[in-house]
Amino acid sequence: MEDNRLILSMLGALLDYPDQTLIVALDEIRAELVGHAGLPLDTRTALSDLVDRLSARPLLDLQEDYVDIFDRGRATSLYLFEHVHGESRERGQAMVDLLAMYETKGLFLSPGELPDYLPVFLEFLSHETPA
């Protein structure tokens, strides 16, 4: 169970904007993901390939890649409610509700962090106990 929570946290880290903390953690992430028997072999292989590519590139290049992939179009946005609600008014209320749920469970976001950002949601899930 704890193993699955760690995996969620690591997946969130891989999807977050790359920084030096990620670079330092890549070897640990690789070892954990590749050795996780609960993940299908093809998923473990793909994640290992991703970690290898991240490890081989300078941080500035990784950051440029991130912006190109995730910040330039709605189809690859990491903001969950953008896919569900688009620019509708419901998106704002959904974020308020999600933020309230986080805070009820003890997760408080930094100013400027949006609750529907997939890495934040994965980190939240990594602290939850499955029902």
C-alpha atoms as a PDB file:
ATOM      1  CA  MET A   1       0.000   0.000   0.000  1.00  0.00           C
ATOM      2  CA  GLU A   2       2.748   2.447   0.998  1.00  0.00           C
ATOM      3  CA  ASP A   3       4.560   1.422  -2.167  1.00  0.00           C
ATOM      4  CA  ASN A   4       1.628   2.576  -4.329  1.00  0.00           C
ATOM      5  CA  ARG A   5       1.485   5.921  -2.560  1.00  0.00           C
ATOM      6  CA  LEU A   6       5.186   6.480  -3.220  1.00  0.00           C
ATOM      7  CA  ILE A   7       4.616   5.668  -6.895  1.00  0.00           C
ATOM      8  CA  LEU A   8       1.872   8.313  -7.120  1.00  0.00           C
ATOM      9  CA  SER A   9       4.188  10.893  -5.590  1.00  0.00           C
ATOM     10  CA  MET A  10       6.988   9.979  -8.005  1.00  0.00           C
ATOM     11  CA  LEU A  11       4.676  10.114 -11.018  1.00  0.00           C
ATOM     12  CA  GLY A  12       3.603  13.572  -9.880  1.00  0.00           C
ATOM     13  CA  ALA A  13       7.246  14.623  -9.619  1.00  0.00           C
ATOM     14  CA  LEU A  14       7.904  13.418 -13.170  1.00  0.00           C
ATOM     15  CA  LEU A  15       4.969  15.488 -14.441  1.00  0.00           C
ATOM     16  CA  ASP A  16       5.857  18.646 -12.520  1.00  0.00           C
ATOM     17  CA  TYR A  17       7.949  21.493 -13.917  1.00  0.00           C
ATOM     18  CA  PRO A  18      11.517  20.155 -13.812  1.00  0.00           C
ATOM     19  CA  ASP A  19      13.919  21.585 -11.267  1.00  0.00           C
ATOM     20  CA  GLN A  20      17.129  20.537  -9.536  1.00  0.00           C
ATOM     21  CA  THR A  21      15.184  18.532  -6.940  1.00  0.00           C
ATOM     22  CA  LEU A  22      13.849  16.288  -9.709  1.00  0.00           C
ATOM     23  CA  ILE A  23      17.311  15.838 -11.217  1.00  0.00           C
ATOM     24  CA  VAL A  24      18.697  14.716  -7.848  1.00  0.00           C
ATOM     25  CA  ALA A  25      15.795  12.272  -7.340  1.00  0.00           C
ATOM     26  CA  LEU A  26      15.881  10.606 -10.782  1.00  0.00           C
ATOM     27  CA  ASP A  27      18.019   7.617  -9.725  1.00  0.00           C
ATOM     28  CA  GLU A  28      15.702   6.898  -6.791  1.00  0.00           C
ATOM     29  CA  ILE A  29      12.641   7.334  -9.009  1.00  0.00           C
ATOM     30  CA  ARG A  30      14.095   4.973 -11.612  1.00  0.00           C
ATOM     31  CA  ALA A  31      14.859   2.287  -9.026  1.00  0.00           C
ATOM     32  CA  GLU A  32      11.416   2.507  -7.459  1.00  0.00           C
ATOM     33  CA  LEU A  33       9.423   2.588 -10.689  1.00  0.00           C
ATOM     34  CA  VAL A  34      11.399  -0.082 -12.537  1.00  0.00           C
ATOM     35  CA  GLY A  35      11.231  -2.413  -9.544  1.00  0.00           C
ATOM     36  CA  HIS A  36       7.518  -1.927  -8.880  1.00  0.00           C
ATOM     37  CA  ALA A  37       5.832  -5.249  -9.623  1.00  0.00           C
ATOM     38  CA  GLY A  38       2.388  -3.623  -9.578  1.00  0.00           C
ATOM     39  CA  LEU A  39       3.136  -1.735 -12.784  1.00  0.00           C
ATOM     40  CA  PRO A  40       2.890  -3.591 -16.102  1.00  0.00           C
ATOM     41  CA  LEU A  41       6.229  -4.343 -17.729  1.00  0.00           C
ATOM     42  CA  ASP A  42       5.588  -2.018 -20.682  1.00  0.00           C
ATOM     43  CA  THR A  43       4.746   0.809 -18.280  1.00  0.00           C
ATOM     44  CA  ARG A  44       7.914   0.200 -16.271  1.00  0.00           C
ATOM     45  CA  THR A  45       9.933   0.170 -19.496  1.00  0.00           C
ATOM     46  CA  ALA A  46       8.364   3.422 -20.712  1.00  0.00           C
ATOM     47  CA  LEU A  47       8.956   5.102 -17.347  1.00  0.00           C
ATOM     48  CA  SER A  48      12.550   3.891 -17.303  1.00  0.00           C
ATOM     49  CA  ASP A  49      13.043   5.327 -20.796  1.00  0.00           C
ATOM     50  CA  LEU A  50      11.536   8.629 -19.643  1.00  0.00           C
ATOM     51  CA  VAL A  51      13.850   8.810 -16.630  1.00  0.00           C
ATOM     52  CA  ASP A  52      16.816   8.006 -18.883  1.00  0.00           C
ATOM     53  CA  ARG A  53      15.865  10.855 -21.240  1.00  0.00           C
ATOM     54  CA  LEU A  54      15.403  13.253 -18.325  1.00  0.00           C
ATOM     55  CA  SER A  55      18.773  12.230 -16.868  1.00  0.00           C
ATOM     56  CA  ALA A  56      20.584  12.792 -20.158  1.00  0.00           C
ATOM     57  CA  ARG A  57      19.460  16.375 -20.801  1.00  0.00           C
ATOM     58  CA  PRO A  58      20.455  19.684 -19.193  1.00  0.00           C
ATOM     59  CA  LEU A  59      17.876  21.153 -16.827  1.00  0.00           C
ATOM     60  CA  LEU A  60      17.258  24.203 -19.025  1.00  0.00           C
ATOM     61  CA  ASP A  61      16.446  21.933 -21.981  1.00  0.00           C
ATOM     62  CA  LEU A  62      14.057  19.908 -19.818  1.00  0.00           C
ATOM     63  CA  GLN A  63      12.302  23.096 -18.777  1.00  0.00           C
ATOM     64  CA  GLU A  64      11.979  24.216 -22.396  1.00  0.00           C
ATOM     65  CA  ASP A  65      10.597  20.795 -23.337  1.00  0.00           C
ATOM     66  CA  TYR A  66       8.086  20.989 -20.487  1.00  0.00           C
ATOM     67  CA  VAL A  67       6.785  24.351 -21.681  1.00  0.00           C
ATOM     68  CA  ASP A  68       6.572  23.097 -25.280  1.00  0.00           C
ATOM     69  CA  ILE A  69       4.652  19.973 -24.263  1.00  0.00           C
ATOM     70  CA  PHE A  70       2.368  21.131 -21.449  1.00  0.00           C
ATOM     71  CA  ASP A  71       1.966  24.902 -21.698  1.00  0.00           C
ATOM     72  CA  ARG A  72       1.300  25.459 -25.384  1.00  0.00           C
ATOM     73  CA  GLY A  73      -2.050  23.768 -25.894  1.00  0.00           C
ATOM     74  CA  ARG A  74      -5.177  22.594 -24.157  1.00  0.00           C
ATOM     75  CA  ALA A  75      -4.832  18.997 -25.336  1.00  0.00           C
ATOM     76  CA  THR A  76      -1.753  18.416 -23.151  1.00  0.00           C
ATOM     77  CA  SER A  77      -2.629  20.705 -20.255  1.00  0.00           C
ATOM     78  CA  LEU A  78      -1.900  19.301 -16.805  1.00  0.00           C
ATOM     79  CA  TYR A  79      -4.829  21.239 -15.332  1.00  0.00           C
ATOM     80  CA  LEU A  80      -7.567  18.642 -14.921  1.00  0.00           C
ATOM     81  CA  PHE A  81     -10.548  20.959 -14.904  1.00  0.00           C
ATOM     82  CA  GLU A  82      -9.471  22.567 -18.152  1.00  0.00           C
ATOM     83  CA  HIS A  83     -10.297  19.234 -19.791  1.00  0.00           C
ATOM     84  CA  VAL A  84     -13.553  18.832 -17.880  1.00  0.00           C
ATOM     85  CA  HIS A  85     -14.915  22.387 -17.747  1.00  0.00           C
ATOM     86  CA  GLY A  86     -12.862  24.370 -20.253  1.00  0.00           C
ATOM     87  CA  GLU A  87     -13.270  28.075 -19.585  1.00  0.00           C
ATOM     88  CA  SER A  88     -16.775  27.732 -18.125  1.00  0.00           C
ATOM     89  CA  ARG A  89     -17.818  29.160 -14.790  1.00  0.00           C
ATOM     90  CA  GLU A  90     -18.097  25.652 -13.363  1.00  0.00           C
ATOM     91  CA  ARG A  91     -14.315  25.389 -13.444  1.00  0.00           C
ATOM     92  CA  GLY A  92     -13.915  28.039 -10.753  1.00  0.00           C
ATOM     93  CA  GLN A  93     -16.405  26.371  -8.425  1.00  0.00           C
ATOM     94  CA  ALA A  94     -14.847  22.972  -9.035  1.00  0.00           C
ATOM     95  CA  MET A  95     -11.461  24.405  -8.006  1.00  0.00           C
ATOM     96  CA  VAL A  96     -12.934  25.941  -4.863  1.00  0.00           C
ATOM     97  CA  ASP A  97     -14.491  22.583  -3.982  1.00  0.00           C
ATOM     98  CA  LEU A  98     -11.273  20.660  -4.652  1.00  0.00           C
ATOM     99  CA  LEU A  99      -9.231  23.136  -2.618  1.00  0.00           C
ATOM    100  CA  ALA A 100     -11.694  22.762   0.278  1.00  0.00           C
ATOM    101  CA  MET A 101     -11.326  18.975   0.084  1.00  0.00           C
ATOM    102  CA  TYR A 102      -7.527  19.283   0.169  1.00  0.00           C
ATOM    103  CA  GLU A 103      -7.641  21.579   3.177  1.00  0.00           C
ATOM    104  CA  THR A 104     -10.062  19.277   4.995  1.00  0.00           C
ATOM    105  CA  LYS A 105      -7.486  16.514   4.569  1.00  0.00           C
ATOM    106  CA  GLY A 106      -4.608  18.754   5.713  1.00  0.00           C
ATOM    107  CA  LEU A 107      -3.095  19.730   2.360  1.00  0.00           C
ATOM    108  CA  PHE A 108      -2.600  23.479   2.035  1.00  0.00           C
ATOM    109  CA  LEU A 109      -1.365  24.821  -1.286  1.00  0.00           C
ATOM    110  CA  SER A 110       1.111  27.635  -1.723  1.00  0.00           C
ATOM    111  CA  PRO A 111      -0.184  30.926  -3.080  1.00  0.00           C
ATOM    112  CA  GLY A 112      -0.525  30.664  -6.836  1.00  0.00           C
ATOM    113  CA  GLU A 113      -0.809  26.859  -6.874  1.00  0.00           C
ATOM    114  CA  LEU A 114      -3.976  25.635  -8.527  1.00  0.00           C
ATOM    115  CA  PRO A 115      -5.687  22.589  -7.023  1.00  0.00           C
ATOM    116  CA  ASP A 116      -6.464  20.941 -10.362  1.00  0.00           C
ATOM    117  CA  TYR A 117      -2.799  20.717 -11.408  1.00  0.00           C
ATOM    118  CA  LEU A 118      -2.207  16.982 -11.970  1.00  0.00           C
ATOM    119  CA  PRO A 119       1.090  16.762 -10.000  1.00  0.00           C
ATOM    120  CA  VAL A 120      -0.652  18.394  -7.000  1.00  0.00           C
ATOM    121  CA  PHE A 121      -3.565  15.972  -7.298  1.00  0.00           C
ATOM    122  CA  LEU A 122      -1.185  12.988  -7.478  1.00  0.00           C
ATOM    123  CA  GLU A 123       0.665  14.245  -4.404  1.00  0.00           C
ATOM    124  CA  PHE A 124      -2.656  14.572  -2.578  1.00  0.00           C
ATOM    125  CA  LEU A 125      -3.563  10.998  -3.556  1.00  0.00           C
ATOM    126  CA  SER A 126      -0.169   9.773  -2.364  1.00  0.00           C
ATOM    127  CA  HIS A 127      -1.147  10.815   1.170  1.00  0.00           C
ATOM    128  CA  GLU A 128      -4.605   9.264   1.100  1.00  0.00           C
ATOM    129  CA  THR A 129      -5.464   5.862   2.467  1.00  0.00           C
ATOM    130  CA  PRO A 130      -7.522   3.865  -0.024  1.00  0.00           C
ATOM    131  CA  ALA A 131     -11.006   2.988   1.180  1.00  0.00           C
END
